[in-house]
Amino acid sequence: MMEWHIQSRAHACQRSGRQFQDGETYHTLLLDTKTGFERMDLCVEAFREVAADLPAKANLVSHWKGIYEAPPPVPPEAIRRDDAESLLRKLLDRREERHAAAAYILAVMLERKRILRVKGQSRDHGRRLFIYEHPKSGDLFSIADPDLQLDQLEAVQHDVAQLLEHGLPDDPAGTAIPGGGPVEEPFNAPSQIPSLAPA
């Protein structure tokens, strides 16, 4: 069962329908529903209306406040450099169990680079789920902990390094995924993949 995916930040309050303005404070509620995690982005006024009921919500996983950043206009022929973040997004889009460990390692890498932030944890069917937020885009990533054993780490680290260097084997574009973009240094060697072994 695939328990990792991305939810994008709304561009309008999901209670009032009013468009968010650049620089406006908003509140995000993360709820655990029967169909999975549900994100709700609210303006300050709408949040005040529901705030009193929050302690009674058993399905509330997390709540946080953010500053809305209006998305910049996309150039018609923008050239995008792939990196660890875009590789993670591609893996999550595919939702293939074979990439679950690689996606988890990439999320940890991006957390250590402060590109992603942990916003909450939950358990589902005995598995621990991490909720990450990309502060700039507001996207949420829910990623299951694959519960890697020490004897599996080296193989997963090698797999991640290969994916970063060569891209996904069946990637339709057939392009490599070099380090770059917002990551300050490239992740293209096994020595740069974070070790999850206890210190």
N, C-alpha and C. Protein backbone atom coordinates (compact mmCIF):
# COMPACT_ATOMS: atom_id res chain seq x y z
N MET A 1 0.84 -1.19 0.00
CA MET A 1 0.00 0.00 0.00
C MET A 1 0.88 1.24 0.00
N MET A 2 0.71 2.12 -1.00
CA MET A 2 1.53 3.31 -1.11
C MET A 2 0.98 4.39 -0.19
N GLU A 3 1.80 4.87 0.72
CA GLU A 3 1.35 5.86 1.68
C GLU A 3 2.14 7.15 1.56
N TRP A 4 2.72 7.40 0.38
CA TRP A 4 3.48 8.63 0.23
C TRP A 4 3.03 9.37 -1.01
N HIS A 5 2.84 10.66 -0.86
CA HIS A 5 2.36 11.47 -1.95
C HIS A 5 2.59 12.95 -1.63
N ILE A 6 2.20 13.81 -2.55
CA ILE A 6 2.39 15.25 -2.40
C ILE A 6 1.01 15.92 -2.40
N GLN A 7 0.84 16.90 -1.52
CA GLN A 7 -0.33 17.76 -1.56
C GLN A 7 0.14 19.20 -1.66
N SER A 8 -0.34 19.91 -2.64
CA SER A 8 0.09 21.29 -2.85
C SER A 8 -0.70 22.25 -1.98
N ARG A 9 -0.04 23.36 -1.64
CA ARG A 9 -0.70 24.42 -0.89
C ARG A 9 -1.78 25.07 -1.75
N ALA A 10 -2.91 25.37 -1.11
CA ALA A 10 -4.00 26.04 -1.84
C ALA A 10 -3.64 27.50 -2.07
N HIS A 11 -4.20 28.08 -3.11
CA HIS A 11 -3.97 29.49 -3.41
C HIS A 11 -5.13 30.35 -2.93
N ALA A 12 -6.12 29.70 -2.28
CA ALA A 12 -7.27 30.42 -1.72
C ALA A 12 -7.69 29.71 -0.44
N CYS A 13 -8.32 30.45 0.46
CA CYS A 13 -8.83 29.87 1.70
C CYS A 13 -9.87 28.81 1.36
N GLN A 14 -9.72 27.64 1.93
CA GLN A 14 -10.63 26.54 1.59
C GLN A 14 -11.93 26.58 2.37
N ARG A 15 -12.10 27.60 3.18
CA ARG A 15 -13.39 27.79 3.87
C ARG A 15 -14.15 28.97 3.26
N SER A 16 -13.46 30.10 3.06
CA SER A 16 -14.13 31.30 2.53
C SER A 16 -14.04 31.40 1.01
N GLY A 17 -13.04 30.74 0.42
CA GLY A 17 -12.84 30.83 -1.02
C GLY A 17 -12.06 32.07 -1.45
N ARG A 18 -11.68 32.93 -0.50
CA ARG A 18 -10.95 34.14 -0.84
C ARG A 18 -9.51 33.82 -1.23
N GLN A 19 -9.02 34.44 -2.31
CA GLN A 19 -7.65 34.23 -2.77
C GLN A 19 -6.66 34.77 -1.73
N PHE A 20 -5.59 34.01 -1.49
CA PHE A 20 -4.53 34.51 -0.62
C PHE A 20 -3.74 35.59 -1.34
N GLN A 21 -3.29 36.57 -0.57
CA GLN A 21 -2.44 37.64 -1.10
C GLN A 21 -0.99 37.34 -0.76
N ASP A 22 -0.07 37.77 -1.60
CA ASP A 22 1.36 37.55 -1.36
C ASP A 22 1.74 38.14 0.00
N GLY A 23 2.41 37.36 0.85
CA GLY A 23 2.83 37.82 2.17
C GLY A 23 1.79 37.63 3.26
N GLU A 24 0.63 37.10 2.90
CA GLU A 24 -0.45 36.92 3.88
C GLU A 24 -0.19 35.69 4.75
N THR A 25 -0.53 35.81 6.03
CA THR A 25 -0.43 34.67 6.96
C THR A 25 -1.61 33.73 6.72
N TYR A 26 -1.34 32.44 6.71
CA TYR A 26 -2.40 31.43 6.57
C TYR A 26 -2.13 30.30 7.55
N HIS A 27 -3.12 29.48 7.80
CA HIS A 27 -3.01 28.33 8.70
C HIS A 27 -3.26 27.05 7.90
N THR A 28 -2.49 26.02 8.20
CA THR A 28 -2.68 24.71 7.58
C THR A 28 -3.08 23.70 8.64
N LEU A 29 -4.15 22.97 8.38
CA LEU A 29 -4.57 21.85 9.22
C LEU A 29 -4.33 20.58 8.43
N LEU A 30 -3.78 19.57 9.07
CA LEU A 30 -3.59 18.27 8.44
C LEU A 30 -4.45 17.26 9.19
N LEU A 31 -5.42 16.68 8.47
CA LEU A 31 -6.38 15.78 9.08
C LEU A 31 -6.19 14.36 8.55
N ASP A 32 -6.38 13.38 9.41
CA ASP A 32 -6.28 11.97 9.02
C ASP A 32 -7.70 11.47 8.76
N THR A 33 -8.03 11.27 7.47
CA THR A 33 -9.37 10.83 7.10
C THR A 33 -9.35 9.37 6.68
N LYS A 34 -10.52 8.83 6.39
CA LYS A 34 -10.60 7.42 5.97
C LYS A 34 -9.87 7.18 4.66
N THR A 35 -9.75 8.21 3.84
CA THR A 35 -9.10 8.05 2.53
C THR A 35 -7.65 8.50 2.55
N GLY A 36 -7.12 8.90 3.73
CA GLY A 36 -5.73 9.35 3.82
C GLY A 36 -5.66 10.74 4.41
N PHE A 37 -4.50 11.37 4.30
CA PHE A 37 -4.32 12.71 4.84
C PHE A 37 -5.06 13.73 3.98
N GLU A 38 -5.69 14.68 4.66
CA GLU A 38 -6.37 15.78 3.96
C GLU A 38 -5.82 17.09 4.49
N ARG A 39 -5.35 17.92 3.58
CA ARG A 39 -4.79 19.22 3.94
C ARG A 39 -5.86 20.29 3.79
N MET A 40 -5.90 21.24 4.74
CA MET A 40 -6.84 22.35 4.66
C MET A 40 -6.08 23.65 4.95
N ASP A 41 -6.05 24.56 3.98
CA ASP A 41 -5.39 25.85 4.13
C ASP A 41 -6.47 26.91 4.37
N LEU A 42 -6.30 27.67 5.45
CA LEU A 42 -7.31 28.65 5.87
C LEU A 42 -6.70 30.03 6.08
N CYS A 43 -7.47 31.06 5.76
CA CYS A 43 -7.04 32.43 6.08
C CYS A 43 -7.18 32.60 7.60
N VAL A 44 -6.61 33.68 8.12
CA VAL A 44 -6.62 33.91 9.57
C VAL A 44 -8.05 33.99 10.10
N GLU A 45 -8.93 34.68 9.38
CA GLU A 45 -10.31 34.83 9.84
C GLU A 45 -11.03 33.48 9.90
N ALA A 46 -10.87 32.66 8.86
CA ALA A 46 -11.52 31.35 8.84
C ALA A 46 -10.94 30.45 9.93
N PHE A 47 -9.63 30.56 10.18
CA PHE A 47 -9.02 29.74 11.22
C PHE A 47 -9.60 30.10 12.58
N ARG A 48 -9.82 31.40 12.83
CA ARG A 48 -10.40 31.82 14.11
C ARG A 48 -11.76 31.17 14.33
N GLU A 49 -12.52 31.00 13.25
CA GLU A 49 -13.86 30.41 13.36
C GLU A 49 -13.81 28.94 13.77
N VAL A 50 -12.75 28.22 13.38
CA VAL A 50 -12.68 26.78 13.68
C VAL A 50 -11.73 26.46 14.82
N ALA A 51 -10.94 27.44 15.27
CA ALA A 51 -9.89 27.17 16.26
C ALA A 51 -10.43 26.57 17.55
N ALA A 52 -11.59 27.03 18.01
CA ALA A 52 -12.13 26.53 19.28
C ALA A 52 -12.45 25.05 19.22
N ASP A 53 -12.77 24.53 18.03
CA ASP A 53 -13.13 23.12 17.89
C ASP A 53 -11.93 22.20 17.67
N LEU A 54 -10.75 22.76 17.46
CA LEU A 54 -9.59 21.94 17.12
C LEU A 54 -9.21 20.91 18.19
N PRO A 55 -9.20 21.28 19.48
CA PRO A 55 -8.80 20.27 20.49
C PRO A 55 -9.69 19.03 20.47
N ALA A 56 -10.94 19.15 20.01
CA ALA A 56 -11.86 18.01 20.00
C ALA A 56 -11.70 17.15 18.76
N LYS A 57 -10.92 17.62 17.78
CA LYS A 57 -10.77 16.85 16.53
C LYS A 57 -9.77 15.72 16.75
N ALA A 58 -10.27 14.49 16.82
CA ALA A 58 -9.40 13.34 17.04
C ALA A 58 -8.54 13.06 15.82
N ASN A 59 -8.98 13.52 14.65
CA ASN A 59 -8.24 13.20 13.43
C ASN A 59 -7.25 14.30 13.05
N LEU A 60 -7.04 15.29 13.93
CA LEU A 60 -6.06 16.35 13.65
C LEU A 60 -4.66 15.81 13.87
N VAL A 61 -3.86 15.77 12.80
CA VAL A 61 -2.48 15.27 12.88
C VAL A 61 -1.53 16.41 13.24
N SER A 62 -1.72 17.56 12.59
CA SER A 62 -0.81 18.67 12.81
C SER A 62 -1.47 19.98 12.38
N HIS A 63 -0.94 21.08 12.92
CA HIS A 63 -1.38 22.43 12.55
C HIS A 63 -0.16 23.33 12.55
N TRP A 64 -0.06 24.20 11.56
CA TRP A 64 1.02 25.18 11.54
C TRP A 64 0.59 26.42 10.79
N LYS A 65 1.38 27.47 10.96
CA LYS A 65 1.10 28.76 10.35
C LYS A 65 2.19 29.03 9.33
N GLY A 66 1.84 29.64 8.20
CA GLY A 66 2.83 29.96 7.18
C GLY A 66 2.55 31.32 6.55
N ILE A 67 3.48 31.74 5.72
CA ILE A 67 3.33 32.99 4.96
C ILE A 67 3.17 32.62 3.50
N TYR A 68 2.07 33.06 2.89
CA TYR A 68 1.80 32.72 1.50
C TYR A 68 2.75 33.47 0.57
N GLU A 69 3.37 32.73 -0.34
CA GLU A 69 4.21 33.31 -1.37
C GLU A 69 3.54 33.04 -2.71
N ALA A 70 3.15 34.10 -3.40
CA ALA A 70 2.52 33.92 -4.71
C ALA A 70 3.52 33.28 -5.66
N PRO A 71 3.09 32.28 -6.44
CA PRO A 71 4.03 31.63 -7.36
C PRO A 71 4.50 32.60 -8.43
N PRO A 72 5.80 32.59 -8.75
CA PRO A 72 6.29 33.48 -9.79
C PRO A 72 5.79 33.02 -11.15
N PRO A 73 5.66 33.94 -12.10
CA PRO A 73 5.25 33.52 -13.44
C PRO A 73 6.29 32.59 -14.04
N VAL A 74 5.82 31.56 -14.73
CA VAL A 74 6.72 30.58 -15.33
C VAL A 74 7.11 31.05 -16.73
N PRO A 75 8.42 31.18 -17.01
CA PRO A 75 8.83 31.56 -18.36
C PRO A 75 8.35 30.52 -19.36
N PRO A 76 7.99 30.91 -20.58
CA PRO A 76 7.45 29.96 -21.55
C PRO A 76 8.37 28.80 -21.87
N GLU A 77 9.68 29.02 -21.86
CA GLU A 77 10.60 27.94 -22.17
C GLU A 77 11.66 27.85 -21.08
N ALA A 78 11.17 27.72 -19.85
CA ALA A 78 12.12 27.65 -18.74
C ALA A 78 12.93 26.37 -18.80
N ILE A 79 14.22 26.47 -18.58
CA ILE A 79 15.09 25.30 -18.53
C ILE A 79 15.26 24.95 -17.06
N ARG A 80 14.82 23.77 -16.70
CA ARG A 80 14.85 23.35 -15.31
C ARG A 80 15.98 22.37 -15.08
N ARG A 81 16.79 22.63 -14.07
CA ARG A 81 17.84 21.69 -13.70
C ARG A 81 17.28 20.72 -12.67
N ASP A 82 17.38 19.44 -12.97
CA ASP A 82 16.89 18.43 -12.04
C ASP A 82 17.88 18.28 -10.88
N ASP A 83 17.38 17.93 -9.74
CA ASP A 83 18.19 17.78 -8.55
C ASP A 83 17.52 16.76 -7.63
N ALA A 84 17.99 16.70 -6.37
CA ALA A 84 17.43 15.74 -5.42
C ALA A 84 15.94 15.98 -5.20
N GLU A 85 15.54 17.25 -5.17
CA GLU A 85 14.11 17.55 -4.95
C GLU A 85 13.25 17.08 -6.11
N SER A 86 13.67 17.37 -7.34
CA SER A 86 12.84 16.95 -8.48
C SER A 86 12.85 15.43 -8.63
N LEU A 87 13.95 14.77 -8.26
CA LEU A 87 13.97 13.31 -8.28
C LEU A 87 12.97 12.77 -7.26
N LEU A 88 12.93 13.36 -6.07
CA LEU A 88 11.95 12.92 -5.07
C LEU A 88 10.54 13.08 -5.61
N ARG A 89 10.25 14.21 -6.25
CA ARG A 89 8.91 14.44 -6.79
C ARG A 89 8.58 13.38 -7.86
N LYS A 90 9.54 13.04 -8.70
CA LYS A 90 9.30 12.03 -9.73
C LYS A 90 9.00 10.67 -9.10
N LEU A 91 9.76 10.32 -8.06
CA LEU A 91 9.53 9.04 -7.39
C LEU A 91 8.15 9.01 -6.74
N LEU A 92 7.76 10.12 -6.11
CA LEU A 92 6.44 10.15 -5.46
C LEU A 92 5.32 10.11 -6.49
N ASP A 93 5.53 10.75 -7.64
CA ASP A 93 4.52 10.71 -8.70
C ASP A 93 4.29 9.29 -9.19
N ARG A 94 5.37 8.50 -9.25
CA ARG A 94 5.26 7.12 -9.76
C ARG A 94 4.63 6.18 -8.74
N ARG A 95 4.79 6.49 -7.44
CA ARG A 95 4.18 5.68 -6.39
C ARG A 95 4.52 4.19 -6.51
N GLU A 96 5.78 3.90 -6.80
CA GLU A 96 6.23 2.52 -6.93
C GLU A 96 6.92 2.09 -5.64
N GLU A 97 6.46 0.97 -5.09
CA GLU A 97 6.99 0.48 -3.82
C GLU A 97 8.50 0.27 -3.87
N ARG A 98 9.03 -0.10 -5.04
CA ARG A 98 10.47 -0.37 -5.14
C ARG A 98 11.31 0.87 -4.88
N HIS A 99 10.70 2.07 -4.99
CA HIS A 99 11.43 3.31 -4.76
C HIS A 99 11.15 3.91 -3.39
N ALA A 100 10.43 3.19 -2.52
CA ALA A 100 10.04 3.75 -1.23
C ALA A 100 11.27 4.10 -0.38
N ALA A 101 12.26 3.23 -0.34
CA ALA A 101 13.46 3.50 0.48
C ALA A 101 14.25 4.67 -0.08
N ALA A 102 14.37 4.74 -1.41
CA ALA A 102 15.10 5.85 -2.03
C ALA A 102 14.40 7.18 -1.76
N ALA A 103 13.06 7.19 -1.83
CA ALA A 103 12.31 8.41 -1.56
C ALA A 103 12.52 8.86 -0.12
N TYR A 104 12.55 7.91 0.79
CA TYR A 104 12.76 8.24 2.21
C TYR A 104 14.14 8.86 2.41
N ILE A 105 15.17 8.26 1.80
CA ILE A 105 16.54 8.79 1.94
C ILE A 105 16.63 10.19 1.34
N LEU A 106 16.01 10.40 0.17
CA LEU A 106 16.03 11.73 -0.45
C LEU A 106 15.35 12.76 0.45
N ALA A 107 14.24 12.38 1.09
CA ALA A 107 13.55 13.31 1.99
C ALA A 107 14.45 13.68 3.17
N VAL A 108 15.16 12.69 3.71
CA VAL A 108 16.09 12.96 4.82
C VAL A 108 17.20 13.91 4.36
N MET A 109 17.73 13.67 3.15
CA MET A 109 18.76 14.56 2.60
C MET A 109 18.26 15.99 2.50
N LEU A 110 17.04 16.15 1.97
CA LEU A 110 16.49 17.49 1.77
C LEU A 110 16.13 18.14 3.10
N GLU A 111 15.78 17.33 4.09
CA GLU A 111 15.53 17.88 5.42
C GLU A 111 16.84 18.42 6.00
N ARG A 112 17.92 17.68 5.83
CA ARG A 112 19.21 18.12 6.37
C ARG A 112 19.73 19.36 5.65
N LYS A 113 19.33 19.55 4.41
CA LYS A 113 19.70 20.75 3.66
C LYS A 113 18.71 21.89 3.91
N ARG A 114 17.70 21.64 4.77
CA ARG A 114 16.68 22.62 5.13
C ARG A 114 15.83 23.05 3.93
N ILE A 115 15.70 22.14 2.98
CA ILE A 115 14.81 22.38 1.85
C ILE A 115 13.41 21.87 2.19
N LEU A 116 13.34 20.80 3.00
CA LEU A 116 12.08 20.30 3.53
C LEU A 116 12.10 20.40 5.05
N ARG A 117 10.91 20.55 5.63
CA ARG A 117 10.79 20.59 7.09
C ARG A 117 9.76 19.57 7.54
N VAL A 118 10.06 18.86 8.62
CA VAL A 118 9.09 17.91 9.18
C VAL A 118 8.00 18.70 9.88
N LYS A 119 6.75 18.40 9.53
CA LYS A 119 5.61 19.09 10.14
C LYS A 119 4.78 18.18 11.02
N GLY A 120 5.00 16.88 10.95
CA GLY A 120 4.24 15.98 11.78
C GLY A 120 4.60 14.54 11.51
N GLN A 121 4.15 13.67 12.40
CA GLN A 121 4.33 12.23 12.24
C GLN A 121 3.02 11.54 12.57
N SER A 122 2.84 10.37 11.98
CA SER A 122 1.64 9.59 12.24
C SER A 122 1.99 8.12 12.05
N ARG A 123 1.08 7.26 12.44
CA ARG A 123 1.28 5.82 12.20
C ARG A 123 0.08 5.30 11.43
N ASP A 124 0.35 4.45 10.45
CA ASP A 124 -0.72 3.86 9.65
C ASP A 124 -0.33 2.43 9.32
N HIS A 125 -1.18 1.49 9.71
CA HIS A 125 -0.91 0.06 9.48
C HIS A 125 0.48 -0.32 10.02
N GLY A 126 0.83 0.22 11.19
CA GLY A 126 2.09 -0.13 11.82
C GLY A 126 3.30 0.59 11.26
N ARG A 127 3.12 1.42 10.23
CA ARG A 127 4.26 2.14 9.63
C ARG A 127 4.24 3.59 10.10
N ARG A 128 5.43 4.13 10.33
CA ARG A 128 5.54 5.54 10.71
C ARG A 128 5.55 6.39 9.45
N LEU A 129 4.73 7.45 9.44
CA LEU A 129 4.67 8.37 8.31
C LEU A 129 5.21 9.73 8.74
N PHE A 130 6.07 10.29 7.90
CA PHE A 130 6.57 11.64 8.13
C PHE A 130 5.86 12.60 7.19
N ILE A 131 5.45 13.74 7.71
CA ILE A 131 4.83 14.78 6.90
C ILE A 131 5.86 15.90 6.75
N TYR A 132 6.33 16.10 5.52
CA TYR A 132 7.29 17.16 5.22
C TYR A 132 6.59 18.29 4.49
N GLU A 133 7.06 19.52 4.72
CA GLU A 133 6.58 20.66 3.95
C GLU A 133 7.75 21.33 3.25
N HIS A 134 7.52 21.73 2.00
CA HIS A 134 8.48 22.56 1.27
C HIS A 134 8.08 24.01 1.59
N PRO A 135 8.87 24.73 2.40
CA PRO A 135 8.44 26.06 2.87
C PRO A 135 8.12 27.05 1.75
N LYS A 136 8.87 26.99 0.65
CA LYS A 136 8.66 27.99 -0.42
C LYS A 136 7.40 27.70 -1.22
N SER A 137 7.19 26.45 -1.60
CA SER A 137 6.01 26.13 -2.43
C SER A 137 4.80 25.79 -1.58
N GLY A 138 5.02 25.40 -0.31
CA GLY A 138 3.92 24.97 0.55
C GLY A 138 3.48 23.55 0.29
N ASP A 139 4.14 22.83 -0.63
CA ASP A 139 3.77 21.45 -0.91
C ASP A 139 4.04 20.56 0.29
N LEU A 140 3.14 19.59 0.52
CA LEU A 140 3.31 18.60 1.58
C LEU A 140 3.70 17.27 0.96
N PHE A 141 4.63 16.59 1.60
CA PHE A 141 5.07 15.27 1.17
C PHE A 141 4.81 14.33 2.34
N SER A 142 4.01 13.29 2.16
CA SER A 142 3.86 12.28 3.21
C SER A 142 4.63 11.04 2.74
N ILE A 143 5.59 10.64 3.57
CA ILE A 143 6.51 9.58 3.19
C ILE A 143 6.60 8.55 4.31
N ALA A 144 6.39 7.30 3.96
CA ALA A 144 6.45 6.22 4.94
C ALA A 144 7.90 5.86 5.25
N ASP A 145 8.17 5.63 6.52
CA ASP A 145 9.49 5.16 6.95
C ASP A 145 9.61 3.69 6.54
N PRO A 146 10.59 3.34 5.67
CA PRO A 146 10.70 1.95 5.23
C PRO A 146 11.32 1.03 6.27
N ASP A 147 11.65 1.59 7.45
CA ASP A 147 12.22 0.78 8.53
C ASP A 147 13.45 0.02 8.05
N LEU A 148 14.40 0.77 7.48
CA LEU A 148 15.61 0.16 6.94
C LEU A 148 16.47 -0.44 8.05
N GLN A 149 17.03 -1.61 7.77
CA GLN A 149 17.97 -2.25 8.67
C GLN A 149 19.39 -1.84 8.28
N LEU A 150 20.31 -1.94 9.22
CA LEU A 150 21.69 -1.52 8.96
C LEU A 150 22.29 -2.21 7.74
N ASP A 151 21.96 -3.50 7.55
CA ASP A 151 22.55 -4.23 6.43
C ASP A 151 21.92 -3.85 5.09
N GLN A 152 20.87 -3.00 5.10
CA GLN A 152 20.24 -2.55 3.86
C GLN A 152 20.71 -1.15 3.43
N LEU A 153 21.29 -0.40 4.36
CA LEU A 153 21.61 1.00 4.09
C LEU A 153 22.56 1.20 2.93
N GLU A 154 23.61 0.41 2.87
CA GLU A 154 24.61 0.61 1.81
C GLU A 154 23.98 0.44 0.43
N ALA A 155 23.14 -0.58 0.28
CA ALA A 155 22.50 -0.82 -1.02
C ALA A 155 21.56 0.33 -1.39
N VAL A 156 20.81 0.84 -0.41
CA VAL A 156 19.89 1.95 -0.69
C VAL A 156 20.66 3.22 -1.02
N GLN A 157 21.74 3.49 -0.29
CA GLN A 157 22.56 4.67 -0.57
C GLN A 157 23.15 4.59 -1.97
N HIS A 158 23.57 3.41 -2.38
CA HIS A 158 24.11 3.23 -3.73
C HIS A 158 23.01 3.46 -4.77
N ASP A 159 21.81 2.96 -4.49
CA ASP A 159 20.67 3.14 -5.40
C ASP A 159 20.35 4.63 -5.58
N VAL A 160 20.34 5.38 -4.47
CA VAL A 160 20.05 6.82 -4.53
C VAL A 160 21.13 7.54 -5.33
N ALA A 161 22.40 7.19 -5.10
CA ALA A 161 23.49 7.83 -5.84
C ALA A 161 23.36 7.56 -7.34
N GLN A 162 22.98 6.33 -7.71
CA GLN A 162 22.80 5.99 -9.13
C GLN A 162 21.63 6.77 -9.74
N LEU A 163 20.54 6.88 -9.00
CA LEU A 163 19.39 7.63 -9.50
C LEU A 163 19.73 9.11 -9.71
N LEU A 164 20.51 9.68 -8.77
CA LEU A 164 20.90 11.08 -8.90
C LEU A 164 21.84 11.29 -10.07
N GLU A 165 22.70 10.32 -10.31
CA GLU A 165 23.68 10.47 -11.38
C GLU A 165 23.09 10.17 -12.75
N HIS A 166 22.24 9.14 -12.84
CA HIS A 166 21.77 8.66 -14.15
C HIS A 166 20.26 8.87 -14.39
N GLY A 167 19.51 9.25 -13.35
CA GLY A 167 18.07 9.40 -13.52
C GLY A 167 17.36 8.06 -13.42
N LEU A 168 16.04 8.11 -13.54
CA LEU A 168 15.25 6.89 -13.49
C LEU A 168 15.48 6.08 -14.76
N PRO A 169 15.68 4.77 -14.65
CA PRO A 169 16.00 3.94 -15.82
C PRO A 169 14.97 4.04 -16.93
N ASP A 170 13.68 4.12 -16.56
CA ASP A 170 12.65 4.17 -17.59
C ASP A 170 12.06 5.56 -17.71
N ASP A 171 12.87 6.59 -17.37
CA ASP A 171 12.43 7.98 -17.49
C ASP A 171 12.19 8.29 -18.96
N PRO A 172 10.96 8.71 -19.36
CA PRO A 172 10.67 8.98 -20.77
C PRO A 172 11.61 10.00 -21.38
N ALA A 173 12.05 10.98 -20.56
CA ALA A 173 12.96 11.99 -21.10
C ALA A 173 14.36 11.44 -21.26
N GLY A 174 14.66 10.38 -20.51
CA GLY A 174 15.98 9.77 -20.61
C GLY A 174 17.10 10.68 -20.15
N THR A 175 16.80 11.61 -19.25
CA THR A 175 17.82 12.56 -18.83
C THR A 175 18.40 12.17 -17.49
N ALA A 176 19.64 12.54 -17.27
CA ALA A 176 20.29 12.28 -15.99
C ALA A 176 19.80 13.31 -14.98
N ILE A 177 19.96 12.97 -13.71
CA ILE A 177 19.53 13.87 -12.65
C ILE A 177 20.78 14.30 -11.89
N PRO A 178 21.48 15.33 -12.35
CA PRO A 178 22.67 15.76 -11.64
C PRO A 178 22.29 16.56 -10.41
N GLY A 179 23.24 16.79 -9.52
CA GLY A 179 23.00 17.68 -8.39
C GLY A 179 22.89 19.09 -8.91
N GLY A 180 22.16 19.94 -8.22
CA GLY A 180 22.03 21.33 -8.65
C GLY A 180 20.80 21.95 -8.05
N GLY A 181 20.26 22.96 -8.69
CA GLY A 181 19.08 23.64 -8.20
C GLY A 181 19.33 24.24 -6.85
N PRO A 182 18.36 24.13 -5.93
CA PRO A 182 18.49 24.78 -4.64
C PRO A 182 19.42 24.08 -3.69
N VAL A 183 19.90 22.88 -4.03
CA VAL A 183 20.81 22.16 -3.16
C VAL A 183 22.19 22.76 -3.33
N GLU A 184 22.82 23.14 -2.22
CA GLU A 184 24.07 23.88 -2.31
C GLU A 184 25.21 23.06 -2.89
N GLU A 185 25.19 21.75 -2.65
CA GLU A 185 26.24 20.90 -3.19
C GLU A 185 25.61 19.68 -3.82
N PRO A 186 26.18 19.13 -4.88
CA PRO A 186 25.54 18.01 -5.56
C PRO A 186 25.55 16.75 -4.72
N PHE A 187 24.49 15.97 -4.84
CA PHE A 187 24.41 14.65 -4.23
C PHE A 187 24.69 13.64 -5.33
N ASN A 188 25.92 13.35 -5.61
CA ASN A 188 26.20 12.44 -6.70
C ASN A 188 27.24 11.39 -6.36
N ALA A 189 27.45 11.18 -5.09
CA ALA A 189 28.38 10.13 -4.69
C ALA A 189 27.86 9.48 -3.43
N PRO A 190 28.07 8.16 -3.27
CA PRO A 190 27.56 7.48 -2.09
C PRO A 190 28.02 8.11 -0.79
N SER A 191 29.22 8.72 -0.75
CA SER A 191 29.72 9.32 0.46
C SER A 191 28.90 10.51 0.92
N GLN A 192 28.09 11.11 -0.01
CA GLN A 192 27.31 12.26 0.35
C GLN A 192 25.88 11.89 0.76
N ILE A 193 25.51 10.61 0.59
CA ILE A 193 24.20 10.18 1.04
C ILE A 193 24.25 10.03 2.55
N PRO A 194 23.29 10.62 3.28
CA PRO A 194 23.38 10.58 4.73
C PRO A 194 23.30 9.18 5.28
N SER A 195 24.11 8.88 6.27
CA SER A 195 24.04 7.60 6.94
C SER A 195 22.98 7.68 8.02
N LEU A 196 22.14 6.66 8.08
CA LEU A 196 21.10 6.62 9.11
C LEU A 196 21.50 5.69 10.26
N ALA A 197 22.74 5.21 10.20
CA ALA A 197 23.21 4.31 11.25
C ALA A 197 23.38 5.12 12.54
N PRO A 198 23.10 4.50 13.70
CA PRO A 198 23.28 5.22 14.95
C PRO A 198 24.72 5.64 15.14
N ALA A 199 24.95 6.83 15.72
CA ALA A 199 26.30 7.34 15.92
C ALA A 199 26.99 6.58 17.03
